[in-house]
Amino acid sequence: MTGPAAASAGVAPFAVMDCALITIATGFRAQTLREFRETLLKVPAGSIDHHFWGRLLRPQFDEPEFNNDFASWAQRGLHDKPLAEREGLRQELLEVVEQRLEESEMLPWAPAEHQFQFLRSQIVVFDTGLRYSNPADLIPYLSTLSTGSIYYHFIDARGRTVARCDDFSAWLEGFGERYAGLVLQLRSVDPYFSSLKELRHVVTEIFQGYFEEHP
């Protein structure tokens, strides 16, 4: 180990992982907004995560107007754009749906072929074999990381790490206050409105900018 990271010999190298998602049916479905609301109370939390984040790893043949499956269904299945434009996780999603139910006694049904199918994901993780001991050494490789790696380290990590943060900033905290500014920048990134490619670009620019200022 060389460079400024050498003083923190107790910090394990950053292990770059990759991942893929296997989609699994839950057996739950909804055709009306009321059915959707009732089903939201029953489905596992992993299903909600799948419909908010899983599409980031799914091939998209068009540019979706909305970033999650729930909003897309509200627009394309129910043709209810006001509902589609309101977003949140389970409790927030329930509040949004209940508010919409109170606004109108006549809400549309989705055609049978456009029922909302609640799904969940099983993540499959791959070890790339890449290891980095010095944070600055990551810079040349960040822009080449697969979207699966970005998903694993920036999205999936939020459910795994103690601080509910990305793996990069969780690892950097092991160096004490040395990279506090970099940690703060990484944790200020909101992944919700970005594609994985955009996230990769943002993370790369944050690392590059930080080490240009702190060589």
C-alpha atoms as a PDB file:
ATOM      1  CA  MET A   1       0.000   0.000   0.000  1.00  0.00           C
ATOM      2  CA  THR A   2       1.377   3.386  -0.953  1.00  0.00           C
ATOM      3  CA  GLY A   3       0.304   7.016  -0.962  1.00  0.00           C
ATOM      4  CA  PRO A   4      -1.796   8.902   1.625  1.00  0.00           C
ATOM      5  CA  ALA A   5      -3.909   5.848   2.368  1.00  0.00           C
ATOM      6  CA  ALA A   6      -0.915   4.004   3.774  1.00  0.00           C
ATOM      7  CA  ALA A   7      -1.411   5.584   7.191  1.00  0.00           C
ATOM      8  CA  SER A   8      -4.776   3.821   7.483  1.00  0.00           C
ATOM      9  CA  ALA A   9      -3.468   0.300   7.156  1.00  0.00           C
ATOM     10  CA  GLY A  10      -6.462  -1.021   9.076  1.00  0.00           C
ATOM     11  CA  VAL A  11      -8.883  -0.042   6.291  1.00  0.00           C
ATOM     12  CA  ALA A  12      -9.659  -2.953   3.999  1.00  0.00           C
ATOM     13  CA  PRO A  13      -9.323  -2.279   0.251  1.00  0.00           C
ATOM     14  CA  PHE A  14     -12.455  -1.258  -1.613  1.00  0.00           C
ATOM     15  CA  ALA A  15     -13.788  -4.383  -3.354  1.00  0.00           C
ATOM     16  CA  VAL A  16     -15.565  -3.601  -6.623  1.00  0.00           C
ATOM     17  CA  MET A  17     -18.631  -5.772  -7.104  1.00  0.00           C
ATOM     18  CA  ASP A  18     -21.087  -6.162  -9.970  1.00  0.00           C
ATOM     19  CA  CYS A  19     -24.668  -7.387  -9.870  1.00  0.00           C
ATOM     20  CA  ALA A  20     -27.762  -8.392 -11.789  1.00  0.00           C
ATOM     21  CA  LEU A  21     -31.404  -8.635 -10.743  1.00  0.00           C
ATOM     22  CA  ILE A  22     -33.609 -11.687 -11.148  1.00  0.00           C
ATOM     23  CA  THR A  23     -37.282 -10.685 -11.302  1.00  0.00           C
ATOM     24  CA  ILE A  24     -39.719 -12.812  -9.309  1.00  0.00           C
ATOM     25  CA  ALA A  25     -43.537 -12.641  -9.320  1.00  0.00           C
ATOM     26  CA  THR A  26     -45.275 -12.015  -5.989  1.00  0.00           C
ATOM     27  CA  GLY A  27     -48.725 -13.156  -7.109  1.00  0.00           C
ATOM     28  CA  PHE A  28     -50.202  -9.761  -6.213  1.00  0.00           C
ATOM     29  CA  ARG A  29     -51.858  -7.568  -8.841  1.00  0.00           C
ATOM     30  CA  ALA A  30     -54.181  -4.582  -9.044  1.00  0.00           C
ATOM     31  CA  GLN A  31     -56.582  -3.294 -11.667  1.00  0.00           C
ATOM     32  CA  THR A  32     -58.082  -0.288  -9.871  1.00  0.00           C
ATOM     33  CA  LEU A  33     -56.536   2.373  -7.698  1.00  0.00           C
ATOM     34  CA  ARG A  34     -58.426   1.021  -4.679  1.00  0.00           C
ATOM     35  CA  GLU A  35     -57.081  -2.483  -5.290  1.00  0.00           C
ATOM     36  CA  PHE A  36     -53.646  -0.966  -5.673  1.00  0.00           C
ATOM     37  CA  ARG A  37     -53.957   0.741  -2.293  1.00  0.00           C
ATOM     38  CA  GLU A  38     -55.051  -2.474  -0.545  1.00  0.00           C
ATOM     39  CA  THR A  39     -52.268  -4.481  -2.148  1.00  0.00           C
ATOM     40  CA  LEU A  40     -49.633  -1.962  -1.110  1.00  0.00           C
ATOM     41  CA  LEU A  41     -50.358  -2.952   2.490  1.00  0.00           C
ATOM     42  CA  LYS A  42     -49.641  -6.621   1.752  1.00  0.00           C
ATOM     43  CA  VAL A  43     -46.657  -6.785  -0.562  1.00  0.00           C
ATOM     44  CA  PRO A  44     -43.149  -7.255   0.867  1.00  0.00           C
ATOM     45  CA  ALA A  45     -40.942  -4.193   1.152  1.00  0.00           C
ATOM     46  CA  GLY A  46     -38.644  -5.705  -1.468  1.00  0.00           C
ATOM     47  CA  SER A  47     -41.419  -5.394  -4.036  1.00  0.00           C
ATOM     48  CA  ILE A  48     -41.687  -1.655  -3.445  1.00  0.00           C
ATOM     49  CA  ASP A  49     -37.920  -1.294  -3.762  1.00  0.00           C
ATOM     50  CA  HIS A  50     -38.034  -3.298  -7.000  1.00  0.00           C
ATOM     51  CA  HIS A  51     -40.610  -1.005  -8.594  1.00  0.00           C
ATOM     52  CA  PHE A  52     -38.787   2.153  -7.491  1.00  0.00           C
ATOM     53  CA  TRP A  53     -35.213   1.128  -8.235  1.00  0.00           C
ATOM     54  CA  GLY A  54     -35.154  -2.107 -10.228  1.00  0.00           C
ATOM     55  CA  ARG A  55     -35.979  -0.482 -13.531  1.00  0.00           C
ATOM     56  CA  LEU A  56     -32.592   1.222 -13.450  1.00  0.00           C
ATOM     57  CA  LEU A  57     -31.037  -2.122 -14.399  1.00  0.00           C
ATOM     58  CA  ARG A  58     -33.725  -3.117 -16.888  1.00  0.00           C
ATOM     59  CA  PRO A  59     -33.232  -2.316 -20.589  1.00  0.00           C
ATOM     60  CA  GLN A  60     -35.427   0.618 -21.627  1.00  0.00           C
ATOM     61  CA  PHE A  61     -36.499   0.953 -25.255  1.00  0.00           C
ATOM     62  CA  ASP A  62     -37.778   4.463 -24.757  1.00  0.00           C
ATOM     63  CA  GLU A  63     -37.115   7.384 -22.425  1.00  0.00           C
ATOM     64  CA  PRO A  64     -39.640   6.961 -19.578  1.00  0.00           C
ATOM     65  CA  GLU A  65     -41.354  10.113 -18.387  1.00  0.00           C
ATOM     66  CA  PHE A  66     -41.413   8.816 -14.824  1.00  0.00           C
ATOM     67  CA  ASN A  67     -38.630   7.090 -12.910  1.00  0.00           C
ATOM     68  CA  ASN A  68     -40.641   4.379 -11.160  1.00  0.00           C
ATOM     69  CA  ASP A  69     -43.074   1.639 -12.185  1.00  0.00           C
ATOM     70  CA  PHE A  70     -45.913   2.942  -9.997  1.00  0.00           C
ATOM     71  CA  ALA A  71     -45.994   6.350 -11.675  1.00  0.00           C
ATOM     72  CA  SER A  72     -45.668   4.798 -15.126  1.00  0.00           C
ATOM     73  CA  TRP A  73     -48.647   2.519 -14.450  1.00  0.00           C
ATOM     74  CA  ALA A  74     -50.728   5.420 -13.159  1.00  0.00           C
ATOM     75  CA  GLN A  75     -50.132   7.220 -16.434  1.00  0.00           C
ATOM     76  CA  ARG A  76     -50.210   4.342 -18.935  1.00  0.00           C
ATOM     77  CA  GLY A  77     -52.574   1.928 -17.209  1.00  0.00           C
ATOM     78  CA  LEU A  78     -54.989   4.223 -15.381  1.00  0.00           C
ATOM     79  CA  HIS A  79     -54.352   7.272 -17.630  1.00  0.00           C
ATOM     80  CA  ASP A  80     -54.208   9.291 -14.408  1.00  0.00           C
ATOM     81  CA  LYS A  81     -51.372  11.760 -14.939  1.00  0.00           C
ATOM     82  CA  PRO A  82     -52.075  13.815 -11.766  1.00  0.00           C
ATOM     83  CA  LEU A  83     -51.447  10.656  -9.743  1.00  0.00           C
ATOM     84  CA  ALA A  84     -48.387   9.730 -11.783  1.00  0.00           C
ATOM     85  CA  GLU A  85     -46.757  13.035 -10.937  1.00  0.00           C
ATOM     86  CA  ARG A  86     -46.854  12.338  -7.183  1.00  0.00           C
ATOM     87  CA  GLU A  87     -44.148   9.969  -5.859  1.00  0.00           C
ATOM     88  CA  GLY A  88     -42.870   8.356  -2.536  1.00  0.00           C
ATOM     89  CA  LEU A  89     -42.087   5.000  -0.807  1.00  0.00           C
ATOM     90  CA  ARG A  90     -44.646   2.749   0.967  1.00  0.00           C
ATOM     91  CA  GLN A  91     -46.091   5.150   3.554  1.00  0.00           C
ATOM     92  CA  GLU A  92     -45.747   8.172   1.293  1.00  0.00           C
ATOM     93  CA  LEU A  93     -47.151   6.175  -1.597  1.00  0.00           C
ATOM     94  CA  LEU A  94     -50.171   5.141   0.502  1.00  0.00           C
ATOM     95  CA  GLU A  95     -50.778   8.756   1.470  1.00  0.00           C
ATOM     96  CA  VAL A  96     -50.612   9.857  -2.171  1.00  0.00           C
ATOM     97  CA  VAL A  97     -53.027   7.123  -3.290  1.00  0.00           C
ATOM     98  CA  GLU A  98     -55.471   7.795  -0.438  1.00  0.00           C
ATOM     99  CA  GLN A  99     -55.445  11.504  -1.230  1.00  0.00           C
ATOM    100  CA  ARG A 100     -56.200  10.732  -4.874  1.00  0.00           C
ATOM    101  CA  LEU A 101     -59.032   8.394  -3.882  1.00  0.00           C
ATOM    102  CA  GLU A 102     -60.594  11.189  -1.818  1.00  0.00           C
ATOM    103  CA  GLU A 103     -60.394  13.637  -4.714  1.00  0.00           C
ATOM    104  CA  SER A 104     -62.750  11.792  -7.019  1.00  0.00           C
ATOM    105  CA  GLU A 105     -65.538   9.234  -6.689  1.00  0.00           C
ATOM    106  CA  MET A 106     -65.037   8.092 -10.279  1.00  0.00           C
ATOM    107  CA  LEU A 107     -61.533   6.813 -10.888  1.00  0.00           C
ATOM    108  CA  PRO A 108     -60.632   4.807 -13.997  1.00  0.00           C
ATOM    109  CA  TRP A 109     -59.969   1.086 -14.165  1.00  0.00           C
ATOM    110  CA  ALA A 110     -56.940  -0.217 -15.942  1.00  0.00           C
ATOM    111  CA  PRO A 111     -57.730  -2.648 -18.776  1.00  0.00           C
ATOM    112  CA  ALA A 112     -57.138  -6.263 -17.803  1.00  0.00           C
ATOM    113  CA  GLU A 113     -53.995  -6.401 -19.920  1.00  0.00           C
ATOM    114  CA  HIS A 114     -52.614  -3.400 -18.018  1.00  0.00           C
ATOM    115  CA  GLN A 115     -53.108  -4.625 -14.462  1.00  0.00           C
ATOM    116  CA  PHE A 116     -50.262  -3.691 -12.162  1.00  0.00           C
ATOM    117  CA  GLN A 117     -48.240  -6.830 -11.479  1.00  0.00           C
ATOM    118  CA  PHE A 118     -46.330  -6.567  -8.210  1.00  0.00           C
ATOM    119  CA  LEU A 119     -42.856  -8.057  -8.603  1.00  0.00           C
ATOM    120  CA  ARG A 120     -39.768  -8.365  -6.465  1.00  0.00           C
ATOM    121  CA  SER A 121     -36.088  -8.926  -7.196  1.00  0.00           C
ATOM    122  CA  GLN A 122     -33.356 -11.307  -6.158  1.00  0.00           C
ATOM    123  CA  ILE A 123     -29.957  -9.686  -6.486  1.00  0.00           C
ATOM    124  CA  VAL A 124     -27.083 -11.771  -7.803  1.00  0.00           C
ATOM    125  CA  VAL A 125     -23.673 -10.339  -6.883  1.00  0.00           C
ATOM    126  CA  PHE A 126     -20.422 -10.897  -8.761  1.00  0.00           C
ATOM    127  CA  ASP A 127     -16.929 -10.161  -7.468  1.00  0.00           C
ATOM    128  CA  THR A 128     -14.955  -8.361 -10.187  1.00  0.00           C
ATOM    129  CA  GLY A 129     -11.669  -9.056  -8.410  1.00  0.00           C
ATOM    130  CA  LEU A 130     -10.792  -5.332  -8.463  1.00  0.00           C
ATOM    131  CA  ARG A 131      -9.398  -3.965  -5.181  1.00  0.00           C
ATOM    132  CA  TYR A 132      -8.315  -0.405  -4.336  1.00  0.00           C
ATOM    133  CA  SER A 133      -6.484   0.622  -1.171  1.00  0.00           C
ATOM    134  CA  ASN A 134      -5.992   4.295  -1.999  1.00  0.00           C
ATOM    135  CA  PRO A 135      -9.179   6.282  -2.786  1.00  0.00           C
ATOM    136  CA  ALA A 136      -7.359   8.321  -5.449  1.00  0.00           C
ATOM    137  CA  ASP A 137      -6.543   5.117  -7.319  1.00  0.00           C
ATOM    138  CA  LEU A 138     -10.256   4.658  -8.053  1.00  0.00           C
ATOM    139  CA  ILE A 139     -10.392   7.712 -10.307  1.00  0.00           C
ATOM    140  CA  PRO A 140      -9.168   6.159 -13.602  1.00  0.00           C
ATOM    141  CA  TYR A 141     -11.590   3.254 -13.253  1.00  0.00           C
ATOM    142  CA  LEU A 142     -14.820   4.862 -12.032  1.00  0.00           C
ATOM    143  CA  SER A 143     -15.946   5.893 -15.515  1.00  0.00           C
ATOM    144  CA  THR A 144     -15.519   2.304 -16.742  1.00  0.00           C
ATOM    145  CA  LEU A 145     -17.535   0.599 -13.994  1.00  0.00           C
ATOM    146  CA  SER A 146     -20.553  -1.322 -15.233  1.00  0.00           C
ATOM    147  CA  THR A 147     -24.046  -0.083 -14.466  1.00  0.00           C
ATOM    148  CA  GLY A 148     -24.412  -3.204 -12.312  1.00  0.00           C
ATOM    149  CA  SER A 149     -21.490  -2.034 -10.179  1.00  0.00           C
ATOM    150  CA  ILE A 150     -22.991   1.425  -9.832  1.00  0.00           C
ATOM    151  CA  TYR A 151     -26.347  -0.078  -8.850  1.00  0.00           C
ATOM    152  CA  TYR A 152     -24.741  -2.347  -6.244  1.00  0.00           C
ATOM    153  CA  HIS A 153     -22.494   0.302  -4.688  1.00  0.00           C
ATOM    154  CA  PHE A 154     -24.835   3.302  -4.901  1.00  0.00           C
ATOM    155  CA  ILE A 155     -28.424   1.952  -4.811  1.00  0.00           C
ATOM    156  CA  ASP A 156     -28.367  -1.472  -3.178  1.00  0.00           C
ATOM    157  CA  ALA A 157     -25.834  -0.222  -0.611  1.00  0.00           C
ATOM    158  CA  ARG A 158     -28.454   2.052   0.928  1.00  0.00           C
ATOM    159  CA  GLY A 159     -30.224  -1.028   2.241  1.00  0.00           C
ATOM    160  CA  ARG A 160     -27.014  -2.704   3.447  1.00  0.00           C
ATOM    161  CA  THR A 161     -24.843  -0.057   5.072  1.00  0.00           C
ATOM    162  CA  VAL A 162     -25.316   1.036   8.676  1.00  0.00           C
ATOM    163  CA  ALA A 163     -25.511   4.696   7.637  1.00  0.00           C
ATOM    164  CA  ARG A 164     -27.933   3.885   4.748  1.00  0.00           C
ATOM    165  CA  CYS A 165     -25.484   5.377   2.296  1.00  0.00           C
ATOM    166  CA  ASP A 166     -23.439   4.415  -0.756  1.00  0.00           C
ATOM    167  CA  ASP A 167     -20.512   2.000  -0.383  1.00  0.00           C
ATOM    168  CA  PHE A 168     -17.962   4.596  -1.512  1.00  0.00           C
ATOM    169  CA  SER A 169     -18.654   7.037   1.317  1.00  0.00           C
ATOM    170  CA  ALA A 170     -19.067   4.196   3.849  1.00  0.00           C
ATOM    171  CA  TRP A 171     -15.574   2.976   2.926  1.00  0.00           C
ATOM    172  CA  LEU A 172     -14.066   6.459   2.997  1.00  0.00           C
ATOM    173  CA  GLU A 173     -15.305   6.992   6.548  1.00  0.00           C
ATOM    174  CA  GLY A 174     -12.866   4.289   7.604  1.00  0.00           C
ATOM    175  CA  PHE A 175     -10.060   6.794   6.974  1.00  0.00           C
ATOM    176  CA  GLY A 176     -11.391   9.112   9.662  1.00  0.00           C
ATOM    177  CA  GLU A 177     -11.784  12.794   8.845  1.00  0.00           C
ATOM    178  CA  ARG A 178      -9.273  12.724   5.967  1.00  0.00           C
ATOM    179  CA  TYR A 179     -11.958  12.427   3.273  1.00  0.00           C
ATOM    180  CA  ALA A 180     -14.851  14.064   5.127  1.00  0.00           C
ATOM    181  CA  GLY A 181     -15.419  16.541   2.289  1.00  0.00           C
ATOM    182  CA  LEU A 182     -15.579  13.782  -0.295  1.00  0.00           C
ATOM    183  CA  VAL A 183     -17.984  11.791   1.880  1.00  0.00           C
ATOM    184  CA  LEU A 184     -20.244  14.823   2.191  1.00  0.00           C
ATOM    185  CA  GLN A 185     -20.322  15.361  -1.583  1.00  0.00           C
ATOM    186  CA  LEU A 186     -21.128  11.724  -2.312  1.00  0.00           C
ATOM    187  CA  ARG A 187     -23.945  11.659   0.224  1.00  0.00           C
ATOM    188  CA  SER A 188     -25.467  14.797  -1.256  1.00  0.00           C
ATOM    189  CA  VAL A 189     -26.143  12.951  -4.534  1.00  0.00           C
ATOM    190  CA  ASP A 190     -29.816  12.061  -5.005  1.00  0.00           C
ATOM    191  CA  PRO A 191     -29.918   8.914  -7.166  1.00  0.00           C
ATOM    192  CA  TYR A 192     -33.661   9.052  -7.713  1.00  0.00           C
ATOM    193  CA  PHE A 193     -33.668  11.381 -10.703  1.00  0.00           C
ATOM    194  CA  SER A 194     -30.647   9.889 -12.474  1.00  0.00           C
ATOM    195  CA  SER A 195     -29.928   6.894 -14.661  1.00  0.00           C
ATOM    196  CA  LEU A 196     -27.088   4.595 -13.623  1.00  0.00           C
ATOM    197  CA  LYS A 197     -24.912   6.042 -16.396  1.00  0.00           C
ATOM    198  CA  GLU A 198     -25.599   9.546 -15.100  1.00  0.00           C
ATOM    199  CA  LEU A 199     -24.790   8.426 -11.551  1.00  0.00           C
ATOM    200  CA  ARG A 200     -21.502   6.944 -12.763  1.00  0.00           C
ATOM    201  CA  HIS A 201     -20.615  10.257 -14.415  1.00  0.00           C
ATOM    202  CA  VAL A 202     -21.530  12.233 -11.281  1.00  0.00           C
ATOM    203  CA  VAL A 203     -19.519   9.978  -8.963  1.00  0.00           C
ATOM    204  CA  THR A 204     -16.525  10.135 -11.311  1.00  0.00           C
ATOM    205  CA  GLU A 205     -16.666  13.944 -11.435  1.00  0.00           C
ATOM    206  CA  ILE A 206     -16.939  14.175  -7.653  1.00  0.00           C
ATOM    207  CA  PHE A 207     -13.829  12.043  -7.152  1.00  0.00           C
ATOM    208  CA  GLN A 208     -11.890  13.876  -9.856  1.00  0.00           C
ATOM    209  CA  GLY A 209     -12.845  17.308  -8.552  1.00  0.00           C
ATOM    210  CA  TYR A 210     -12.044  16.430  -4.968  1.00  0.00           C
ATOM    211  CA  PHE A 211      -8.568  15.083  -5.691  1.00  0.00           C
ATOM    212  CA  GLU A 212      -7.752  17.991  -7.990  1.00  0.00           C
ATOM    213  CA  GLU A 213      -8.387  20.278  -5.018  1.00  0.00           C
ATOM    214  CA  HIS A 214      -6.736  17.908  -2.509  1.00  0.00           C
ATOM    215  CA  PRO A 215      -3.808  16.309  -4.354  1.00  0.00           C
END
